[in-house]
Amino acid sequence: MLGPPVASDRAYAAYLALCNALLRVPGHRLRITVLRRLVRAEVGVGCAIERGVQITTKGGLRIGDGTNVNSRGLLDGRGGLTIGRRVNISPEVAVLTAEHDPQSPAFDGRVRPVVIGDGAWLAYRAVVLPGAVVGEGAIVAAGAVVRSEVPPRTIVAGNPAAAIATRDPGAQAELEPYRRFLH
């Protein structure tokens, strides 16, 4: 039975609000420290985390070496989110691992892990839904909605995302960290 929020729920909500507020402050090192120490995320070396990235839980998030996460993205670790190495996540991308069961009489929540493979690129305002797997070197086009598996080096677009092309195996073999001043 649902009732009013208990003190521990309010404290956790305040904790997440503080973490998200700190993720809006200038300074990549600060934001990476917040993710590692307060959020308990695993963040690889050489990552760039832009201002305004939002998290939904403590823990459940792994980001590989050399990955760029751009501004105003949502990283939902509630069901487990693994982001590979040299991944480029463009602005306003939402990666979700939790949802509601539409068949549940009580509208119960459910979680499913998401995996983003090495060298993938999630373009502006792409949405990756719970249970999805984005293969190594794949591209999710701007505004695309991924519900299932994107094979390696496949470019997908649309809602639901569908294959439109393939990507060269040598593409994005390197990814420079994107660190703007005061961002």
C-alpha atoms as a PDB file:
ATOM      1  CA  MET A   1       0.000   0.000   0.000  1.00  0.00           C
ATOM      2  CA  LEU A   2       1.290   3.437  -0.924  1.00  0.00           C
ATOM      3  CA  GLY A   3       1.364   6.119   1.690  1.00  0.00           C
ATOM      4  CA  PRO A   4       3.051   9.439   2.264  1.00  0.00           C
ATOM      5  CA  PRO A   5       6.804   9.514   1.642  1.00  0.00           C
ATOM      6  CA  VAL A   6       8.864   8.495   4.647  1.00  0.00           C
ATOM      7  CA  ALA A   7      11.849  10.484   5.889  1.00  0.00           C
ATOM      8  CA  SER A   8      14.322   8.154   4.153  1.00  0.00           C
ATOM      9  CA  ASP A   9      12.527   8.686   0.789  1.00  0.00           C
ATOM     10  CA  ARG A  10      12.727  12.457   1.227  1.00  0.00           C
ATOM     11  CA  ALA A  11      16.383  12.259   2.245  1.00  0.00           C
ATOM     12  CA  TYR A  12      17.240  10.157  -0.822  1.00  0.00           C
ATOM     13  CA  ALA A  13      15.351  12.557  -3.089  1.00  0.00           C
ATOM     14  CA  ALA A  14      17.287  15.464  -1.558  1.00  0.00           C
ATOM     15  CA  TYR A  15      20.553  13.543  -2.056  1.00  0.00           C
ATOM     16  CA  LEU A  16      19.781  13.008  -5.754  1.00  0.00           C
ATOM     17  CA  ALA A  17      18.763  16.662  -6.123  1.00  0.00           C
ATOM     18  CA  LEU A  18      22.106  17.717  -4.626  1.00  0.00           C
ATOM     19  CA  CYS A  19      24.031  15.386  -6.963  1.00  0.00           C
ATOM     20  CA  ASN A  20      22.153  16.724 -10.000  1.00  0.00           C
ATOM     21  CA  ALA A  21      22.744  20.319  -8.868  1.00  0.00           C
ATOM     22  CA  LEU A  22      26.481  19.632  -8.577  1.00  0.00           C
ATOM     23  CA  LEU A  23      26.456  18.120 -12.075  1.00  0.00           C
ATOM     24  CA  ARG A  24      25.416  21.573 -13.373  1.00  0.00           C
ATOM     25  CA  VAL A  25      28.455  23.318 -11.865  1.00  0.00           C
ATOM     26  CA  PRO A  26      31.393  24.184 -14.177  1.00  0.00           C
ATOM     27  CA  GLY A  27      34.392  21.869 -14.059  1.00  0.00           C
ATOM     28  CA  HIS A  28      34.804  18.408 -15.579  1.00  0.00           C
ATOM     29  CA  ARG A  29      36.934  17.180 -12.692  1.00  0.00           C
ATOM     30  CA  LEU A  30      34.278  18.235 -10.193  1.00  0.00           C
ATOM     31  CA  ARG A  31      31.516  16.470 -12.115  1.00  0.00           C
ATOM     32  CA  ILE A  32      33.574  13.304 -12.513  1.00  0.00           C
ATOM     33  CA  THR A  33      34.335  13.394  -8.780  1.00  0.00           C
ATOM     34  CA  VAL A  34      30.617  13.800  -8.022  1.00  0.00           C
ATOM     35  CA  LEU A  35      29.824  10.813 -10.227  1.00  0.00           C
ATOM     36  CA  ARG A  36      32.539   8.652  -8.686  1.00  0.00           C
ATOM     37  CA  ARG A  37      32.191   9.617  -5.027  1.00  0.00           C
ATOM     38  CA  LEU A  38      28.585  10.677  -4.495  1.00  0.00           C
ATOM     39  CA  VAL A  39      26.765   8.776  -7.226  1.00  0.00           C
ATOM     40  CA  ARG A  40      29.046   5.723  -6.881  1.00  0.00           C
ATOM     41  CA  ALA A  41      29.333   5.464 -10.667  1.00  0.00           C
ATOM     42  CA  GLU A  42      32.319   3.812 -12.299  1.00  0.00           C
ATOM     43  CA  VAL A  43      33.846   6.447 -14.599  1.00  0.00           C
ATOM     44  CA  GLY A  44      36.827   5.572 -16.790  1.00  0.00           C
ATOM     45  CA  VAL A  45      39.846   7.759 -17.457  1.00  0.00           C
ATOM     46  CA  GLY A  46      39.748  10.535 -20.024  1.00  0.00           C
ATOM     47  CA  CYS A  47      35.976  11.023 -19.888  1.00  0.00           C
ATOM     48  CA  ALA A  48      34.291  14.370 -20.454  1.00  0.00           C
ATOM     49  CA  ILE A  49      31.027  15.019 -18.616  1.00  0.00           C
ATOM     50  CA  GLU A  50      29.314  18.241 -19.710  1.00  0.00           C
ATOM     51  CA  ARG A  51      27.186  20.444 -17.464  1.00  0.00           C
ATOM     52  CA  GLY A  52      23.602  19.462 -16.804  1.00  0.00           C
ATOM     53  CA  VAL A  53      23.883  15.697 -17.113  1.00  0.00           C
ATOM     54  CA  GLN A  54      21.185  14.205 -14.893  1.00  0.00           C
ATOM     55  CA  ILE A  55      21.239  10.929 -12.963  1.00  0.00           C
ATOM     56  CA  THR A  56      18.326   9.039 -11.418  1.00  0.00           C
ATOM     57  CA  THR A  57      19.918   6.876  -8.749  1.00  0.00           C
ATOM     58  CA  LYS A  58      23.000   6.154  -6.720  1.00  0.00           C
ATOM     59  CA  GLY A  59      25.043   3.385  -8.360  1.00  0.00           C
ATOM     60  CA  GLY A  60      24.167   1.289 -11.378  1.00  0.00           C
ATOM     61  CA  LEU A  61      26.194   3.385 -13.834  1.00  0.00           C
ATOM     62  CA  ARG A  62      29.439   2.439 -15.598  1.00  0.00           C
ATOM     63  CA  ILE A  63      31.128   4.719 -18.139  1.00  0.00           C
ATOM     64  CA  GLY A  64      34.147   3.481 -20.106  1.00  0.00           C
ATOM     65  CA  ASP A  65      37.423   5.272 -20.824  1.00  0.00           C
ATOM     66  CA  GLY A  66      37.402   8.246 -23.179  1.00  0.00           C
ATOM     67  CA  THR A  67      33.633   8.632 -23.341  1.00  0.00           C
ATOM     68  CA  ASN A  68      32.030  12.046 -23.890  1.00  0.00           C
ATOM     69  CA  VAL A  69      28.640  12.735 -22.297  1.00  0.00           C
ATOM     70  CA  ASN A  70      27.249  16.013 -23.540  1.00  0.00           C
ATOM     71  CA  SER A  71      24.945  18.500 -21.833  1.00  0.00           C
ATOM     72  CA  ARG A  72      21.450  17.886 -20.490  1.00  0.00           C
ATOM     73  CA  GLY A  73      21.514  14.133 -21.013  1.00  0.00           C
ATOM     74  CA  LEU A  74      19.706  11.703 -18.722  1.00  0.00           C
ATOM     75  CA  LEU A  75      21.609   8.636 -17.506  1.00  0.00           C
ATOM     76  CA  ASP A  76      19.263   6.263 -15.676  1.00  0.00           C
ATOM     77  CA  GLY A  77      21.197   3.682 -13.672  1.00  0.00           C
ATOM     78  CA  ARG A  78      18.231   2.150 -11.823  1.00  0.00           C
ATOM     79  CA  GLY A  79      18.286  -1.039 -13.913  1.00  0.00           C
ATOM     80  CA  GLY A  80      22.006  -0.970 -14.659  1.00  0.00           C
ATOM     81  CA  LEU A  81      23.566   1.162 -17.392  1.00  0.00           C
ATOM     82  CA  THR A  82      26.871   0.215 -19.004  1.00  0.00           C
ATOM     83  CA  ILE A  83      28.432   2.667 -21.449  1.00  0.00           C
ATOM     84  CA  GLY A  84      31.507   1.465 -23.325  1.00  0.00           C
ATOM     85  CA  ARG A  85      34.761   3.176 -24.260  1.00  0.00           C
ATOM     86  CA  ARG A  86      34.974   6.109 -26.713  1.00  0.00           C
ATOM     87  CA  VAL A  87      31.203   6.560 -26.789  1.00  0.00           C
ATOM     88  CA  ASN A  88      29.868   9.942 -27.842  1.00  0.00           C
ATOM     89  CA  ILE A  89      26.570  10.902 -26.216  1.00  0.00           C
ATOM     90  CA  SER A  90      25.214  14.108 -27.754  1.00  0.00           C
ATOM     91  CA  PRO A  91      23.091  16.757 -25.978  1.00  0.00           C
ATOM     92  CA  GLU A  92      19.691  15.870 -24.518  1.00  0.00           C
ATOM     93  CA  VAL A  93      20.006  12.105 -25.012  1.00  0.00           C
ATOM     94  CA  ALA A  94      17.901   9.999 -22.627  1.00  0.00           C
ATOM     95  CA  VAL A  95      19.073   6.503 -21.696  1.00  0.00           C
ATOM     96  CA  LEU A  96      16.392   4.836 -19.575  1.00  0.00           C
ATOM     97  CA  THR A  97      16.569   1.572 -17.643  1.00  0.00           C
ATOM     98  CA  ALA A  98      13.270   1.832 -15.738  1.00  0.00           C
ATOM     99  CA  GLU A  99       9.695   2.044 -16.895  1.00  0.00           C
ATOM    100  CA  HIS A 100       6.165   1.131 -15.857  1.00  0.00           C
ATOM    101  CA  ASP A 101       4.568  -2.168 -16.782  1.00  0.00           C
ATOM    102  CA  PRO A 102       1.605  -1.139 -18.959  1.00  0.00           C
ATOM    103  CA  GLN A 103      -0.195  -4.436 -18.185  1.00  0.00           C
ATOM    104  CA  SER A 104       0.116  -4.100 -14.417  1.00  0.00           C
ATOM    105  CA  PRO A 105      -3.116  -3.306 -12.551  1.00  0.00           C
ATOM    106  CA  ALA A 106      -1.062  -1.238 -10.095  1.00  0.00           C
ATOM    107  CA  PHE A 107       1.125   0.361 -12.849  1.00  0.00           C
ATOM    108  CA  ASP A 108       4.145  -1.316 -11.233  1.00  0.00           C
ATOM    109  CA  GLY A 109       7.613  -0.272 -12.192  1.00  0.00           C
ATOM    110  CA  ARG A 110      10.169  -2.571 -13.789  1.00  0.00           C
ATOM    111  CA  VAL A 111      13.842  -2.247 -14.663  1.00  0.00           C
ATOM    112  CA  ARG A 112      15.986  -3.745 -17.413  1.00  0.00           C
ATOM    113  CA  PRO A 113      19.679  -3.080 -18.056  1.00  0.00           C
ATOM    114  CA  VAL A 114      20.962  -1.100 -21.037  1.00  0.00           C
ATOM    115  CA  VAL A 115      24.338  -1.578 -22.721  1.00  0.00           C
ATOM    116  CA  ILE A 116      25.981   0.919 -25.073  1.00  0.00           C
ATOM    117  CA  GLY A 117      28.928  -0.651 -26.934  1.00  0.00           C
ATOM    118  CA  ASP A 118      32.401   0.805 -27.483  1.00  0.00           C
ATOM    119  CA  GLY A 119      32.635   3.544 -30.105  1.00  0.00           C
ATOM    120  CA  ALA A 120      28.868   4.087 -30.379  1.00  0.00           C
ATOM    121  CA  TRP A 121      27.381   7.505 -31.049  1.00  0.00           C
ATOM    122  CA  LEU A 122      24.002   8.549 -29.663  1.00  0.00           C
ATOM    123  CA  ALA A 123      23.021  11.705 -31.572  1.00  0.00           C
ATOM    124  CA  TYR A 124      20.986  14.705 -30.377  1.00  0.00           C
ATOM    125  CA  ARG A 125      17.806  13.807 -28.467  1.00  0.00           C
ATOM    126  CA  ALA A 126      18.063  10.087 -29.126  1.00  0.00           C
ATOM    127  CA  VAL A 127      16.172   7.889 -26.649  1.00  0.00           C
ATOM    128  CA  VAL A 128      17.350   4.445 -25.569  1.00  0.00           C
ATOM    129  CA  LEU A 129      14.675   2.465 -23.731  1.00  0.00           C
ATOM    130  CA  PRO A 130      15.025  -0.215 -21.023  1.00  0.00           C
ATOM    131  CA  GLY A 131      16.526  -3.505 -22.194  1.00  0.00           C
ATOM    132  CA  ALA A 132      18.123  -2.053 -25.334  1.00  0.00           C
ATOM    133  CA  VAL A 133      21.621  -2.916 -26.516  1.00  0.00           C
ATOM    134  CA  VAL A 134      23.474  -0.536 -28.843  1.00  0.00           C
ATOM    135  CA  GLY A 135      26.254  -2.479 -30.542  1.00  0.00           C
ATOM    136  CA  GLU A 136      29.886  -1.506 -30.924  1.00  0.00           C
ATOM    137  CA  GLY A 137      30.372   1.379 -33.343  1.00  0.00           C
ATOM    138  CA  ALA A 138      26.638   1.814 -33.958  1.00  0.00           C
ATOM    139  CA  ILE A 139      24.994   5.196 -34.476  1.00  0.00           C
ATOM    140  CA  VAL A 140      21.578   6.154 -33.127  1.00  0.00           C
ATOM    141  CA  ALA A 141      20.450   9.130 -35.243  1.00  0.00           C
ATOM    142  CA  ALA A 142      19.043  12.337 -33.803  1.00  0.00           C
ATOM    143  CA  GLY A 143      15.602  11.812 -32.296  1.00  0.00           C
ATOM    144  CA  ALA A 144      15.618   8.037 -32.843  1.00  0.00           C
ATOM    145  CA  VAL A 145      14.000   5.745 -30.271  1.00  0.00           C
ATOM    146  CA  VAL A 146      15.768   2.430 -29.619  1.00  0.00           C
ATOM    147  CA  ARG A 147      13.634  -0.318 -28.058  1.00  0.00           C
ATOM    148  CA  SER A 148      15.727  -3.434 -28.698  1.00  0.00           C
ATOM    149  CA  GLU A 149      19.100  -4.357 -30.189  1.00  0.00           C
ATOM    150  CA  VAL A 150      21.137  -2.275 -32.629  1.00  0.00           C
ATOM    151  CA  PRO A 151      23.736  -4.509 -34.325  1.00  0.00           C
ATOM    152  CA  PRO A 152      27.383  -3.404 -34.347  1.00  0.00           C
ATOM    153  CA  ARG A 153      28.269  -0.642 -36.830  1.00  0.00           C
ATOM    154  CA  THR A 154      24.628  -0.159 -37.818  1.00  0.00           C
ATOM    155  CA  ILE A 155      23.138   3.313 -38.235  1.00  0.00           C
ATOM    156  CA  VAL A 156      19.526   3.510 -37.070  1.00  0.00           C
ATOM    157  CA  ALA A 157      16.953   6.297 -37.315  1.00  0.00           C
ATOM    158  CA  GLY A 158      13.269   6.839 -36.607  1.00  0.00           C
ATOM    159  CA  ASN A 159      10.689   5.726 -34.069  1.00  0.00           C
ATOM    160  CA  PRO A 160      11.019   2.845 -33.635  1.00  0.00           C
ATOM    161  CA  ALA A 161      14.638   2.938 -34.737  1.00  0.00           C
ATOM    162  CA  ALA A 162      15.322   1.009 -37.940  1.00  0.00           C
ATOM    163  CA  ALA A 163      18.562   0.351 -39.819  1.00  0.00           C
ATOM    164  CA  ILE A 164      19.315   2.864 -42.582  1.00  0.00           C
ATOM    165  CA  ALA A 165      23.020   2.256 -43.243  1.00  0.00           C
ATOM    166  CA  THR A 166      26.223   0.713 -41.914  1.00  0.00           C
ATOM    167  CA  ARG A 167      29.294   2.389 -40.498  1.00  0.00           C
ATOM    168  CA  ASP A 168      32.903   1.893 -41.500  1.00  0.00           C
ATOM    169  CA  PRO A 169      34.720  -0.390 -38.998  1.00  0.00           C
ATOM    170  CA  GLY A 170      37.520   2.190 -38.579  1.00  0.00           C
ATOM    171  CA  ALA A 171      35.183   5.074 -37.724  1.00  0.00           C
ATOM    172  CA  GLN A 172      35.575   6.673 -34.292  1.00  0.00           C
ATOM    173  CA  ALA A 173      38.641   4.593 -33.463  1.00  0.00           C
ATOM    174  CA  GLU A 174      39.747   7.638 -31.472  1.00  0.00           C
ATOM    175  CA  LEU A 175      37.651  10.218 -29.674  1.00  0.00           C
ATOM    176  CA  GLU A 176      39.116  13.438 -28.358  1.00  0.00           C
ATOM    177  CA  PRO A 177      37.707  14.506 -24.985  1.00  0.00           C
ATOM    178  CA  TYR A 178      35.310  17.392 -25.490  1.00  0.00           C
ATOM    179  CA  ARG A 179      36.000  19.825 -22.674  1.00  0.00           C
ATOM    180  CA  ARG A 180      34.886  23.391 -23.228  1.00  0.00           C
ATOM    181  CA  PHE A 181      36.118  26.080 -20.846  1.00  0.00           C
ATOM    182  CA  LEU A 182      33.740  26.571 -17.889  1.00  0.00           C
ATOM    183  CA  HIS A 183      31.701  23.592 -18.975  1.00  0.00           C
END
